[in-house]
Amino acid sequence: MDLAVWLTYLGVITALILFPGPVALLCMSHGLRHGRRRALATVVGGALASLALMALSSLGLGAILATSETAFVVLKAVGAAYLIYLGVQAWRAPAEPMAAPGTAEETSTDLRATRRLFAKGFTVGISNPKDLLFFGALFPNFIDLSQPQWSQFAILALTWLAVDLATMTTYASLGSTVSRWFGTSRRVRLFNRTTGGLFVAAGGALAASHR
C-alpha cells in the first residue's frame, strides 16, 4: 500500500474514531465505574466488534444490507433497542458513591465481571448496522484493485484496530481519572441520568436514522 494513501486513511479514521459515539460513552462510563484496568475489557470488546463488522462487510453483508430494507430495519431496531435498554439501566442504577480506582473492589480479578464488560462492549460495537455500510463504503476508497486486496484489507483493518484501541483506552482512562469527583450520591445520580439519557438518545437517533 502506498504510504500517502495509508496516511490519508489514518487521518480519516482518526478523526472518525475520536468523535465520541456509544462505544466511547460506554468505555468512559465503565472506566468511571470499574476503573481503567477492568474497562479495558470493554475497549477490547468494542474493537473486536469493529473487526467483525469489517470482516462481514468484506464478505458482502454490507451490500446485502444496502439492498435489503427489511434486513436493515430489523438490525437497526435491535441495535436501537439495546442502546435504549442500556440507557434505562444506567438511569435506574443505584446512586452509590464510587470507589476510587486502586481499591480492592476495582482491582480484584473477577472474571465474570470482566466477561460482562467485554460482552457489553462487543454488543454495543456490533449493534449498529450502519457501520457495516460504512466499512463497505470506506475501504474501497483506499484499496488498489490492481494489487493483492487481502493484504491491503489487513493493513486497513489493523490500522483501524490500533487507533480504536488507543482512543477507547484514553476514554476509559479519562473516566477512571474523574471517578474521584463522584464521591457523593447526588453526583452519582447526575452521572447515571446523564449517561442513561445519552444512551437513550443514541438509541433513538439510530432508530430514526436512514441508510
N, C-alpha and C. Protein backbone atom coordinates (compact mmCIF):
# COMPACT_ATOMS: atom_id res chain seq x y z
N MET A 1 0.84 -1.20 0.00
CA MET A 1 0.00 0.00 0.00
C MET A 1 0.87 1.24 0.00
N ASP A 2 0.50 2.21 -0.84
CA ASP A 2 1.25 3.45 -0.93
C ASP A 2 1.19 4.21 0.39
N LEU A 3 2.33 4.79 0.80
CA LEU A 3 2.40 5.48 2.09
C LEU A 3 1.44 6.66 2.14
N ALA A 4 1.34 7.42 1.05
CA ALA A 4 0.44 8.58 1.04
C ALA A 4 -1.01 8.16 1.22
N VAL A 5 -1.40 7.03 0.61
CA VAL A 5 -2.77 6.53 0.76
C VAL A 5 -3.01 6.11 2.20
N TRP A 6 -2.02 5.43 2.79
CA TRP A 6 -2.17 4.97 4.18
C TRP A 6 -2.28 6.15 5.13
N LEU A 7 -1.46 7.19 4.92
CA LEU A 7 -1.51 8.36 5.80
C LEU A 7 -2.85 9.09 5.68
N THR A 8 -3.39 9.14 4.47
CA THR A 8 -4.71 9.75 4.29
C THR A 8 -5.77 8.94 5.04
N TYR A 9 -5.70 7.63 4.91
CA TYR A 9 -6.64 6.75 5.62
C TYR A 9 -6.49 6.92 7.13
N LEU A 10 -5.26 7.01 7.61
CA LEU A 10 -5.01 7.18 9.04
C LEU A 10 -5.65 8.47 9.54
N GLY A 11 -5.50 9.55 8.79
CA GLY A 11 -6.10 10.82 9.20
C GLY A 11 -7.62 10.75 9.23
N VAL A 12 -8.21 10.09 8.22
CA VAL A 12 -9.66 9.99 8.15
C VAL A 12 -10.22 9.20 9.33
N ILE A 13 -9.64 8.02 9.58
CA ILE A 13 -10.21 7.18 10.64
C ILE A 13 -9.92 7.74 12.03
N THR A 14 -8.79 8.44 12.19
CA THR A 14 -8.51 9.05 13.49
C THR A 14 -9.57 10.08 13.84
N ALA A 15 -9.93 10.91 12.85
CA ALA A 15 -10.98 11.91 13.09
C ALA A 15 -12.31 11.23 13.39
N LEU A 16 -12.61 10.15 12.68
CA LEU A 16 -13.88 9.45 12.88
C LEU A 16 -13.95 8.78 14.25
N ILE A 17 -12.86 8.12 14.65
CA ILE A 17 -12.86 7.37 15.91
C ILE A 17 -12.83 8.31 17.11
N LEU A 18 -12.14 9.44 16.98
CA LEU A 18 -12.07 10.39 18.09
C LEU A 18 -13.43 10.98 18.42
N PHE A 19 -14.31 11.10 17.40
CA PHE A 19 -15.64 11.64 17.66
C PHE A 19 -16.41 10.67 18.55
N PRO A 20 -16.84 11.10 19.74
CA PRO A 20 -17.44 10.16 20.70
C PRO A 20 -18.78 9.61 20.24
N GLY A 21 -18.89 8.28 20.27
CA GLY A 21 -20.13 7.59 19.96
C GLY A 21 -20.53 6.71 21.13
N PRO A 22 -21.48 5.78 20.92
CA PRO A 22 -21.93 4.91 22.02
C PRO A 22 -20.81 4.08 22.65
N VAL A 23 -19.86 3.57 21.85
CA VAL A 23 -18.78 2.76 22.43
C VAL A 23 -17.89 3.62 23.30
N ALA A 24 -17.57 4.83 22.83
CA ALA A 24 -16.74 5.74 23.63
C ALA A 24 -17.44 6.09 24.94
N LEU A 25 -18.74 6.34 24.87
CA LEU A 25 -19.51 6.63 26.09
C LEU A 25 -19.48 5.46 27.04
N LEU A 26 -19.61 4.24 26.50
CA LEU A 26 -19.59 3.05 27.34
C LEU A 26 -18.21 2.87 27.98
N CYS A 27 -17.15 3.07 27.21
CA CYS A 27 -15.79 2.93 27.76
C CYS A 27 -15.54 3.93 28.88
N MET A 28 -15.98 5.16 28.68
CA MET A 28 -15.80 6.17 29.72
C MET A 28 -16.62 5.82 30.96
N SER A 29 -17.85 5.38 30.73
CA SER A 29 -18.71 5.01 31.86
C SER A 29 -18.12 3.84 32.64
N HIS A 30 -17.64 2.83 31.95
CA HIS A 30 -17.05 1.68 32.63
C HIS A 30 -15.73 2.05 33.30
N GLY A 31 -14.96 2.95 32.68
CA GLY A 31 -13.75 3.42 33.34
C GLY A 31 -14.05 4.12 34.64
N LEU A 32 -15.12 4.91 34.65
CA LEU A 32 -15.50 5.62 35.86
C LEU A 32 -16.03 4.67 36.93
N ARG A 33 -16.83 3.70 36.51
CA ARG A 33 -17.47 2.80 37.47
C ARG A 33 -16.54 1.68 37.95
N HIS A 34 -15.70 1.18 37.07
CA HIS A 34 -14.94 -0.03 37.38
C HIS A 34 -13.42 0.16 37.37
N GLY A 35 -12.94 1.33 36.99
CA GLY A 35 -11.51 1.54 36.92
C GLY A 35 -10.97 1.21 35.53
N ARG A 36 -9.80 1.77 35.22
CA ARG A 36 -9.25 1.62 33.88
C ARG A 36 -8.93 0.18 33.54
N ARG A 37 -8.39 -0.58 34.49
CA ARG A 37 -7.98 -1.96 34.19
C ARG A 37 -9.16 -2.80 33.74
N ARG A 38 -10.24 -2.74 34.47
CA ARG A 38 -11.41 -3.54 34.10
C ARG A 38 -12.05 -3.02 32.82
N ALA A 39 -12.04 -1.71 32.65
CA ALA A 39 -12.67 -1.14 31.47
C ALA A 39 -11.94 -1.52 30.19
N LEU A 40 -10.71 -2.01 30.29
CA LEU A 40 -10.01 -2.47 29.10
C LEU A 40 -10.76 -3.63 28.43
N ALA A 41 -11.51 -4.40 29.22
CA ALA A 41 -12.33 -5.47 28.63
C ALA A 41 -13.39 -4.87 27.71
N THR A 42 -13.97 -3.74 28.11
CA THR A 42 -14.94 -3.05 27.26
C THR A 42 -14.28 -2.55 25.99
N VAL A 43 -13.08 -1.99 26.13
CA VAL A 43 -12.33 -1.47 24.98
C VAL A 43 -12.07 -2.59 23.97
N VAL A 44 -11.60 -3.74 24.47
CA VAL A 44 -11.29 -4.86 23.59
C VAL A 44 -12.56 -5.39 22.93
N GLY A 45 -13.64 -5.46 23.69
CA GLY A 45 -14.91 -5.92 23.12
C GLY A 45 -15.37 -5.04 21.97
N GLY A 46 -15.30 -3.73 22.16
CA GLY A 46 -15.69 -2.80 21.10
C GLY A 46 -14.79 -2.90 19.88
N ALA A 47 -13.48 -3.06 20.11
CA ALA A 47 -12.53 -3.17 18.99
C ALA A 47 -12.76 -4.44 18.19
N LEU A 48 -13.00 -5.55 18.89
CA LEU A 48 -13.27 -6.81 18.18
C LEU A 48 -14.58 -6.74 17.40
N ALA A 49 -15.55 -6.00 17.92
CA ALA A 49 -16.80 -5.81 17.18
C ALA A 49 -16.53 -5.08 15.87
N SER A 50 -15.65 -4.08 15.90
CA SER A 50 -15.30 -3.37 14.67
C SER A 50 -14.64 -4.30 13.68
N LEU A 51 -13.73 -5.16 14.17
CA LEU A 51 -13.09 -6.12 13.27
C LEU A 51 -14.11 -7.07 12.66
N ALA A 52 -15.07 -7.50 13.48
CA ALA A 52 -16.11 -8.41 12.97
C ALA A 52 -16.93 -7.72 11.89
N LEU A 53 -17.26 -6.44 12.10
CA LEU A 53 -18.03 -5.71 11.10
C LEU A 53 -17.25 -5.52 9.81
N MET A 54 -15.94 -5.28 9.94
CA MET A 54 -15.10 -5.17 8.75
C MET A 54 -15.10 -6.47 7.96
N ALA A 55 -14.96 -7.59 8.70
CA ALA A 55 -14.94 -8.89 8.03
C ALA A 55 -16.28 -9.18 7.35
N LEU A 56 -17.38 -8.89 8.05
CA LEU A 56 -18.70 -9.12 7.47
C LEU A 56 -18.92 -8.25 6.24
N SER A 57 -18.43 -7.00 6.32
CA SER A 57 -18.57 -6.11 5.18
C SER A 57 -17.79 -6.62 3.98
N SER A 58 -16.58 -7.14 4.23
CA SER A 58 -15.76 -7.66 3.14
C SER A 58 -16.38 -8.91 2.51
N LEU A 59 -17.19 -9.63 3.29
CA LEU A 59 -17.86 -10.83 2.76
C LEU A 59 -19.15 -10.50 2.01
N GLY A 60 -19.49 -9.23 1.98
CA GLY A 60 -20.65 -8.83 1.19
C GLY A 60 -21.91 -8.57 1.97
N LEU A 61 -21.87 -8.73 3.30
CA LEU A 61 -23.09 -8.50 4.07
C LEU A 61 -23.48 -7.02 4.09
N GLY A 62 -22.47 -6.14 3.99
CA GLY A 62 -22.78 -4.72 3.90
C GLY A 62 -23.59 -4.42 2.66
N ALA A 63 -23.26 -5.08 1.55
CA ALA A 63 -24.02 -4.88 0.30
C ALA A 63 -25.43 -5.42 0.44
N ILE A 64 -25.59 -6.52 1.17
CA ILE A 64 -26.93 -7.07 1.39
C ILE A 64 -27.79 -6.08 2.17
N LEU A 65 -27.22 -5.49 3.21
CA LEU A 65 -27.97 -4.50 3.99
C LEU A 65 -28.32 -3.28 3.15
N ALA A 66 -27.41 -2.94 2.23
CA ALA A 66 -27.64 -1.77 1.39
C ALA A 66 -28.81 -1.99 0.44
N THR A 67 -29.09 -3.24 0.10
CA THR A 67 -30.16 -3.52 -0.86
C THR A 67 -31.42 -4.09 -0.21
N SER A 68 -31.31 -4.58 1.02
CA SER A 68 -32.47 -5.17 1.68
C SER A 68 -32.98 -4.24 2.78
N GLU A 69 -34.09 -3.59 2.53
CA GLU A 69 -34.67 -2.67 3.50
C GLU A 69 -35.10 -3.41 4.76
N THR A 70 -35.66 -4.61 4.60
CA THR A 70 -36.14 -5.37 5.75
C THR A 70 -35.00 -5.75 6.68
N ALA A 71 -33.91 -6.28 6.12
CA ALA A 71 -32.76 -6.68 6.95
C ALA A 71 -32.20 -5.48 7.68
N PHE A 72 -32.09 -4.35 7.01
CA PHE A 72 -31.54 -3.16 7.64
C PHE A 72 -32.43 -2.68 8.79
N VAL A 73 -33.74 -2.64 8.56
CA VAL A 73 -34.67 -2.15 9.58
C VAL A 73 -34.66 -3.07 10.80
N VAL A 74 -34.62 -4.39 10.58
CA VAL A 74 -34.62 -5.34 11.70
C VAL A 74 -33.37 -5.16 12.55
N LEU A 75 -32.21 -5.13 11.90
CA LEU A 75 -30.95 -4.98 12.66
C LEU A 75 -30.89 -3.62 13.34
N LYS A 76 -31.39 -2.60 12.67
CA LYS A 76 -31.40 -1.27 13.26
C LYS A 76 -32.28 -1.24 14.50
N ALA A 77 -33.42 -1.89 14.44
CA ALA A 77 -34.33 -1.92 15.58
C ALA A 77 -33.71 -2.64 16.77
N VAL A 78 -33.02 -3.75 16.50
CA VAL A 78 -32.34 -4.50 17.57
C VAL A 78 -31.27 -3.64 18.21
N GLY A 79 -30.45 -2.99 17.40
CA GLY A 79 -29.39 -2.13 17.94
C GLY A 79 -29.94 -0.98 18.74
N ALA A 80 -30.99 -0.33 18.23
CA ALA A 80 -31.59 0.80 18.94
C ALA A 80 -32.19 0.36 20.28
N ALA A 81 -32.85 -0.80 20.26
CA ALA A 81 -33.47 -1.31 21.49
C ALA A 81 -32.41 -1.60 22.55
N TYR A 82 -31.27 -2.12 22.13
CA TYR A 82 -30.21 -2.44 23.10
C TYR A 82 -29.63 -1.16 23.71
N LEU A 83 -29.41 -0.15 22.89
CA LEU A 83 -28.88 1.11 23.42
C LEU A 83 -29.87 1.74 24.39
N ILE A 84 -31.15 1.70 24.07
CA ILE A 84 -32.17 2.25 24.98
C ILE A 84 -32.22 1.44 26.27
N TYR A 85 -32.07 0.12 26.16
CA TYR A 85 -32.04 -0.74 27.35
C TYR A 85 -30.88 -0.36 28.26
N LEU A 86 -29.70 -0.13 27.66
CA LEU A 86 -28.54 0.30 28.45
C LEU A 86 -28.82 1.65 29.12
N GLY A 87 -29.50 2.53 28.38
CA GLY A 87 -29.83 3.83 28.94
C GLY A 87 -30.74 3.72 30.15
N VAL A 88 -31.76 2.87 30.05
CA VAL A 88 -32.69 2.68 31.17
C VAL A 88 -31.94 2.07 32.36
N GLN A 89 -31.06 1.11 32.08
CA GLN A 89 -30.26 0.51 33.16
C GLN A 89 -29.42 1.56 33.87
N ALA A 90 -28.75 2.41 33.08
CA ALA A 90 -27.89 3.44 33.66
C ALA A 90 -28.72 4.44 34.47
N TRP A 91 -29.88 4.83 33.95
CA TRP A 91 -30.73 5.80 34.64
C TRP A 91 -31.19 5.26 35.99
N ARG A 92 -31.47 3.97 36.05
CA ARG A 92 -32.01 3.37 37.28
C ARG A 92 -30.93 2.80 38.19
N ALA A 93 -29.67 2.92 37.82
CA ALA A 93 -28.58 2.36 38.64
C ALA A 93 -28.55 3.02 40.01
N PRO A 94 -28.18 2.28 41.05
CA PRO A 94 -28.11 2.86 42.40
C PRO A 94 -27.13 4.03 42.45
N ALA A 95 -27.51 5.08 43.16
CA ALA A 95 -26.67 6.27 43.28
C ALA A 95 -25.69 6.11 44.43
N GLU A 96 -24.82 5.10 44.33
CA GLU A 96 -23.84 4.84 45.38
C GLU A 96 -22.53 5.52 45.04
N PRO A 97 -21.92 6.23 46.01
CA PRO A 97 -20.62 6.86 45.75
C PRO A 97 -19.63 5.84 45.18
N MET A 98 -18.87 6.26 44.19
CA MET A 98 -17.97 5.34 43.51
C MET A 98 -16.66 5.22 44.24
N ALA A 99 -16.16 3.97 44.29
CA ALA A 99 -14.87 3.73 44.91
C ALA A 99 -13.77 4.26 44.01
N ALA A 100 -12.74 4.82 44.60
CA ALA A 100 -11.63 5.33 43.81
C ALA A 100 -10.88 4.18 43.17
N PRO A 101 -10.38 4.35 41.92
CA PRO A 101 -9.59 3.30 41.31
C PRO A 101 -8.39 2.94 42.18
N GLY A 102 -8.11 1.67 42.24
CA GLY A 102 -6.98 1.23 43.05
C GLY A 102 -7.43 0.54 44.33
N THR A 103 -8.73 0.64 44.67
CA THR A 103 -9.22 -0.07 45.84
C THR A 103 -9.37 -1.54 45.52
N ALA A 104 -9.59 -2.34 46.55
CA ALA A 104 -9.73 -3.79 46.35
C ALA A 104 -10.89 -4.10 45.42
N GLU A 105 -11.95 -3.28 45.52
CA GLU A 105 -13.12 -3.51 44.68
C GLU A 105 -12.78 -3.35 43.21
N GLU A 106 -11.91 -2.37 42.88
CA GLU A 106 -11.62 -2.08 41.49
C GLU A 106 -10.55 -2.99 40.92
N THR A 107 -9.63 -3.51 41.77
CA THR A 107 -8.51 -4.28 41.25
C THR A 107 -8.68 -5.77 41.42
N SER A 108 -9.75 -6.19 42.05
CA SER A 108 -9.97 -7.62 42.21
C SER A 108 -10.21 -8.27 40.86
N THR A 109 -9.76 -9.53 40.73
CA THR A 109 -9.85 -10.22 39.44
C THR A 109 -11.12 -11.03 39.39
N ASP A 110 -12.20 -10.38 39.01
CA ASP A 110 -13.49 -11.03 38.89
C ASP A 110 -13.71 -11.35 37.42
N LEU A 111 -13.46 -12.59 37.04
CA LEU A 111 -13.55 -12.98 35.64
C LEU A 111 -14.95 -12.80 35.10
N ARG A 112 -15.95 -13.08 35.90
CA ARG A 112 -17.33 -12.95 35.44
C ARG A 112 -17.66 -11.50 35.11
N ALA A 113 -17.23 -10.59 35.97
CA ALA A 113 -17.48 -9.16 35.72
C ALA A 113 -16.74 -8.70 34.47
N THR A 114 -15.52 -9.18 34.29
CA THR A 114 -14.75 -8.82 33.10
C THR A 114 -15.44 -9.29 31.84
N ARG A 115 -15.99 -10.49 31.88
CA ARG A 115 -16.71 -11.00 30.72
C ARG A 115 -17.94 -10.17 30.42
N ARG A 116 -18.62 -9.70 31.46
CA ARG A 116 -19.80 -8.86 31.25
C ARG A 116 -19.41 -7.55 30.58
N LEU A 117 -18.32 -6.96 31.03
CA LEU A 117 -17.87 -5.71 30.42
C LEU A 117 -17.48 -5.93 28.96
N PHE A 118 -16.77 -7.02 28.70
CA PHE A 118 -16.39 -7.35 27.33
C PHE A 118 -17.63 -7.54 26.46
N ALA A 119 -18.62 -8.28 26.99
CA ALA A 119 -19.83 -8.55 26.22
C ALA A 119 -20.58 -7.26 25.91
N LYS A 120 -20.65 -6.35 26.87
CA LYS A 120 -21.33 -5.08 26.62
C LYS A 120 -20.60 -4.28 25.56
N GLY A 121 -19.27 -4.23 25.65
CA GLY A 121 -18.50 -3.51 24.65
C GLY A 121 -18.70 -4.08 23.26
N PHE A 122 -18.68 -5.40 23.15
CA PHE A 122 -18.86 -6.06 21.86
C PHE A 122 -20.27 -5.83 21.32
N THR A 123 -21.27 -5.97 22.19
CA THR A 123 -22.65 -5.84 21.74
C THR A 123 -22.96 -4.43 21.27
N VAL A 124 -22.51 -3.42 22.03
CA VAL A 124 -22.73 -2.04 21.60
C VAL A 124 -22.00 -1.77 20.29
N GLY A 125 -20.78 -2.30 20.17
CA GLY A 125 -20.00 -2.06 18.96
C GLY A 125 -20.60 -2.68 17.72
N ILE A 126 -21.21 -3.84 17.88
CA ILE A 126 -21.69 -4.56 16.70
C ILE A 126 -23.18 -4.32 16.43
N SER A 127 -23.84 -3.55 17.28
CA SER A 127 -25.29 -3.43 17.19
C SER A 127 -25.77 -2.39 16.17
N ASN A 128 -24.85 -1.70 15.52
CA ASN A 128 -25.27 -0.66 14.57
C ASN A 128 -25.05 -1.14 13.14
N PRO A 129 -26.12 -1.46 12.40
CA PRO A 129 -25.94 -1.94 11.03
C PRO A 129 -25.36 -0.88 10.10
N LYS A 130 -25.45 0.40 10.48
CA LYS A 130 -24.87 1.45 9.64
C LYS A 130 -23.36 1.31 9.54
N ASP A 131 -22.73 0.70 10.56
CA ASP A 131 -21.29 0.51 10.50
C ASP A 131 -20.89 -0.46 9.39
N LEU A 132 -21.74 -1.47 9.15
CA LEU A 132 -21.48 -2.38 8.03
C LEU A 132 -21.47 -1.61 6.71
N LEU A 133 -22.44 -0.74 6.54
CA LEU A 133 -22.49 0.08 5.33
C LEU A 133 -21.31 1.03 5.28
N PHE A 134 -20.92 1.54 6.44
CA PHE A 134 -19.80 2.48 6.50
C PHE A 134 -18.51 1.83 6.04
N PHE A 135 -18.21 0.65 6.59
CA PHE A 135 -16.97 -0.02 6.18
C PHE A 135 -17.02 -0.41 4.71
N GLY A 136 -18.19 -0.81 4.25
CA GLY A 136 -18.34 -1.16 2.85
C GLY A 136 -18.09 0.01 1.93
N ALA A 137 -18.40 1.23 2.41
CA ALA A 137 -18.18 2.43 1.61
C ALA A 137 -16.78 3.00 1.80
N LEU A 138 -16.18 2.79 2.98
CA LEU A 138 -14.88 3.39 3.27
C LEU A 138 -13.73 2.66 2.60
N PHE A 139 -13.67 1.34 2.77
CA PHE A 139 -12.49 0.61 2.34
C PHE A 139 -12.20 0.67 0.84
N PRO A 140 -13.22 0.59 -0.02
CA PRO A 140 -12.90 0.63 -1.46
C PRO A 140 -12.15 1.89 -1.90
N ASN A 141 -12.30 2.97 -1.13
CA ASN A 141 -11.60 4.21 -1.48
C ASN A 141 -10.10 4.13 -1.25
N PHE A 142 -9.65 3.14 -0.50
CA PHE A 142 -8.24 3.04 -0.15
C PHE A 142 -7.60 1.73 -0.62
N ILE A 143 -8.32 0.96 -1.41
CA ILE A 143 -7.80 -0.32 -1.90
C ILE A 143 -7.54 -0.22 -3.40
N ASP A 144 -6.30 -0.56 -3.78
CA ASP A 144 -5.90 -0.59 -5.18
C ASP A 144 -6.27 -1.95 -5.77
N LEU A 145 -7.23 -1.97 -6.70
CA LEU A 145 -7.71 -3.23 -7.25
C LEU A 145 -6.66 -3.94 -8.09
N SER A 146 -5.61 -3.23 -8.49
CA SER A 146 -4.55 -3.87 -9.28
C SER A 146 -3.53 -4.60 -8.41
N GLN A 147 -3.65 -4.44 -7.08
CA GLN A 147 -2.74 -5.08 -6.13
C GLN A 147 -3.51 -6.11 -5.31
N PRO A 148 -2.77 -7.05 -4.65
CA PRO A 148 -3.44 -8.04 -3.79
C PRO A 148 -4.34 -7.33 -2.75
N GLN A 149 -5.61 -7.71 -2.75
CA GLN A 149 -6.58 -6.96 -1.94
C GLN A 149 -6.59 -7.37 -0.47
N TRP A 150 -6.36 -8.64 -0.18
CA TRP A 150 -6.44 -9.09 1.20
C TRP A 150 -5.34 -8.49 2.06
N SER A 151 -4.14 -8.32 1.49
CA SER A 151 -3.06 -7.70 2.26
C SER A 151 -3.39 -6.24 2.56
N GLN A 152 -4.00 -5.55 1.59
CA GLN A 152 -4.41 -4.17 1.81
C GLN A 152 -5.52 -4.09 2.85
N PHE A 153 -6.46 -5.01 2.77
CA PHE A 153 -7.55 -5.05 3.76
C PHE A 153 -6.99 -5.28 5.16
N ALA A 154 -5.98 -6.16 5.27
CA ALA A 154 -5.37 -6.43 6.58
C ALA A 154 -4.71 -5.18 7.14
N ILE A 155 -4.03 -4.42 6.29
CA ILE A 155 -3.38 -3.19 6.74
C ILE A 155 -4.42 -2.18 7.23
N LEU A 156 -5.49 -2.03 6.45
CA LEU A 156 -6.54 -1.09 6.84
C LEU A 156 -7.21 -1.51 8.15
N ALA A 157 -7.48 -2.81 8.30
CA ALA A 157 -8.15 -3.30 9.50
C ALA A 157 -7.26 -3.17 10.73
N LEU A 158 -5.98 -3.52 10.59
CA LEU A 158 -5.07 -3.44 11.74
C LEU A 158 -4.81 -1.98 12.13
N THR A 159 -4.77 -1.10 11.15
CA THR A 159 -4.61 0.32 11.46
C THR A 159 -5.81 0.84 12.24
N TRP A 160 -7.01 0.47 11.77
CA TRP A 160 -8.22 0.84 12.50
C TRP A 160 -8.17 0.29 13.92
N LEU A 161 -7.78 -0.97 14.07
CA LEU A 161 -7.74 -1.60 15.39
C LEU A 161 -6.80 -0.84 16.32
N ALA A 162 -5.61 -0.47 15.83
CA ALA A 162 -4.64 0.23 16.68
C ALA A 162 -5.17 1.58 17.13
N VAL A 163 -5.76 2.35 16.20
CA VAL A 163 -6.29 3.67 16.55
C VAL A 163 -7.49 3.53 17.48
N ASP A 164 -8.33 2.55 17.21
CA ASP A 164 -9.52 2.33 18.03
C ASP A 164 -9.14 1.96 19.46
N LEU A 165 -8.20 1.03 19.61
CA LEU A 165 -7.77 0.62 20.95
C LEU A 165 -7.16 1.79 21.72
N ALA A 166 -6.31 2.56 21.05
CA ALA A 166 -5.66 3.69 21.72
C ALA A 166 -6.69 4.74 22.14
N THR A 167 -7.64 5.04 21.27
CA THR A 167 -8.63 6.08 21.56
C THR A 167 -9.58 5.65 22.66
N MET A 168 -10.10 4.42 22.57
CA MET A 168 -11.06 3.97 23.58
C MET A 168 -10.40 3.75 24.94
N THR A 169 -9.12 3.36 24.93
CA THR A 169 -8.39 3.26 26.19
C THR A 169 -8.27 4.64 26.84
N THR A 170 -8.06 5.66 26.01
CA THR A 170 -8.00 7.03 26.52
C THR A 170 -9.32 7.44 27.14
N TYR A 171 -10.44 7.10 26.48
CA TYR A 171 -11.75 7.40 27.05
C TYR A 171 -11.95 6.68 28.39
N ALA A 172 -11.55 5.40 28.45
CA ALA A 172 -11.69 4.65 29.70
C ALA A 172 -10.82 5.26 30.79
N SER A 173 -9.60 5.68 30.43
CA SER A 173 -8.70 6.29 31.41
C SER A 173 -9.25 7.62 31.90
N LEU A 174 -9.87 8.37 30.99
CA LEU A 174 -10.48 9.64 31.39
C LEU A 174 -11.60 9.40 32.39
N GLY A 175 -12.42 8.39 32.12
CA GLY A 175 -13.48 8.06 33.06
C GLY A 175 -12.94 7.67 34.43
N SER A 176 -11.86 6.86 34.42
CA SER A 176 -11.25 6.44 35.68
C SER A 176 -10.68 7.63 36.44
N THR A 177 -10.11 8.58 35.70
CA THR A 177 -9.48 9.74 36.34
C THR A 177 -10.50 10.62 37.05
N VAL A 178 -11.66 10.81 36.43
CA VAL A 178 -12.65 11.71 37.04
C VAL A 178 -13.53 11.01 38.06
N SER A 179 -13.30 9.71 38.28
CA SER A 179 -14.16 8.98 39.21
C SER A 179 -14.09 9.53 40.63
N ARG A 180 -12.96 10.15 40.98
CA ARG A 180 -12.80 10.70 42.33
C ARG A 180 -13.80 11.83 42.60
N TRP A 181 -14.29 12.44 41.52
CA TRP A 181 -15.23 13.54 41.67
C TRP A 181 -16.60 13.05 42.08
N PHE A 182 -16.86 11.74 41.82
CA PHE A 182 -18.19 11.19 42.09
C PHE A 182 -18.21 10.47 43.43
N GLY A 183 -17.93 11.23 44.47
CA GLY A 183 -17.88 10.66 45.80
C GLY A 183 -19.15 10.88 46.60
N THR A 184 -20.17 11.49 45.98
CA THR A 184 -21.44 11.72 46.68
C THR A 184 -22.57 11.12 45.86
N SER A 185 -23.64 10.77 46.54
CA SER A 185 -24.79 10.17 45.86
C SER A 185 -25.41 11.13 44.86
N ARG A 186 -25.42 12.42 45.16
CA ARG A 186 -26.02 13.39 44.25
C ARG A 186 -25.27 13.43 42.91
N ARG A 187 -23.97 13.42 42.98
CA ARG A 187 -23.19 13.46 41.74
C ARG A 187 -23.30 12.14 40.96
N VAL A 188 -23.35 11.04 41.69
CA VAL A 188 -23.52 9.75 41.01
C VAL A 188 -24.87 9.68 40.32
N ARG A 189 -25.90 10.19 40.98
CA ARG A 189 -27.23 10.18 40.37
C ARG A 189 -27.23 11.05 39.11
N LEU A 190 -26.55 12.19 39.17
CA LEU A 190 -26.45 13.04 37.99
C LEU A 190 -25.73 12.32 36.85
N PHE A 191 -24.65 11.61 37.21
CA PHE A 191 -23.92 10.85 36.19
C PHE A 191 -24.79 9.75 35.59
N ASN A 192 -25.50 9.02 36.45
CA ASN A 192 -26.37 7.93 35.97
C ASN A 192 -27.41 8.46 34.98
N ARG A 193 -28.02 9.58 35.32
CA ARG A 193 -29.10 10.09 34.47
C ARG A 193 -28.55 10.72 33.19
N THR A 194 -27.39 11.33 33.29
CA THR A 194 -26.77 11.88 32.08
C THR A 194 -26.37 10.76 31.13
N THR A 195 -25.70 9.73 31.68
CA THR A 195 -25.30 8.60 30.85
C THR A 195 -26.52 7.89 30.27
N GLY A 196 -27.52 7.65 31.12
CA GLY A 196 -28.72 6.99 30.64
C GLY A 196 -29.40 7.78 29.54
N GLY A 197 -29.50 9.09 29.72
CA GLY A 197 -30.12 9.93 28.71
C GLY A 197 -29.37 9.91 27.39
N LEU A 198 -28.03 9.88 27.45
CA LEU A 198 -27.22 9.85 26.23
C LEU A 198 -27.40 8.52 25.49
N PHE A 199 -27.46 7.42 26.24
CA PHE A 199 -27.69 6.13 25.59
C PHE A 199 -29.07 6.06 24.95
N VAL A 200 -30.08 6.56 25.65
CA VAL A 200 -31.43 6.57 25.08
C VAL A 200 -31.46 7.46 23.83
N ALA A 201 -30.77 8.60 23.89
CA ALA A 201 -30.71 9.48 22.72
C ALA A 201 -30.02 8.80 21.55
N ALA A 202 -28.93 8.07 21.84
CA ALA A 202 -28.23 7.35 20.78
C ALA A 202 -29.11 6.27 20.18
N GLY A 203 -29.86 5.57 21.02
CA GLY A 203 -30.80 4.56 20.52
C GLY A 203 -31.89 5.18 19.68
N GLY A 204 -32.42 6.31 20.13
CA GLY A 204 -33.45 6.99 19.35
C GLY A 204 -32.92 7.50 18.02
N ALA A 205 -31.68 8.03 18.02
CA ALA A 205 -31.08 8.50 16.77
C ALA A 205 -30.88 7.36 15.79
N LEU A 206 -30.45 6.20 16.31
CA LEU A 206 -30.27 5.04 15.44
C LEU A 206 -31.61 4.58 14.88
N ALA A 207 -32.63 4.56 15.72
CA ALA A 207 -33.94 4.10 15.26
C ALA A 207 -34.52 5.03 14.19
N ALA A 208 -34.21 6.33 14.29
CA ALA A 208 -34.75 7.29 13.34
C ALA A 208 -33.88 7.47 12.10
N SER A 209 -32.71 6.84 12.10
CA SER A 209 -31.75 7.07 11.01
C SER A 209 -32.15 6.33 9.75
N HIS A 210 -31.61 6.79 8.64
CA HIS A 210 -31.81 6.15 7.35
C HIS A 210 -30.44 5.78 6.79
N ARG A 211 -30.44 4.90 5.81
CA ARG A 211 -29.17 4.48 5.22
C ARG A 211 -28.53 5.61 4.44
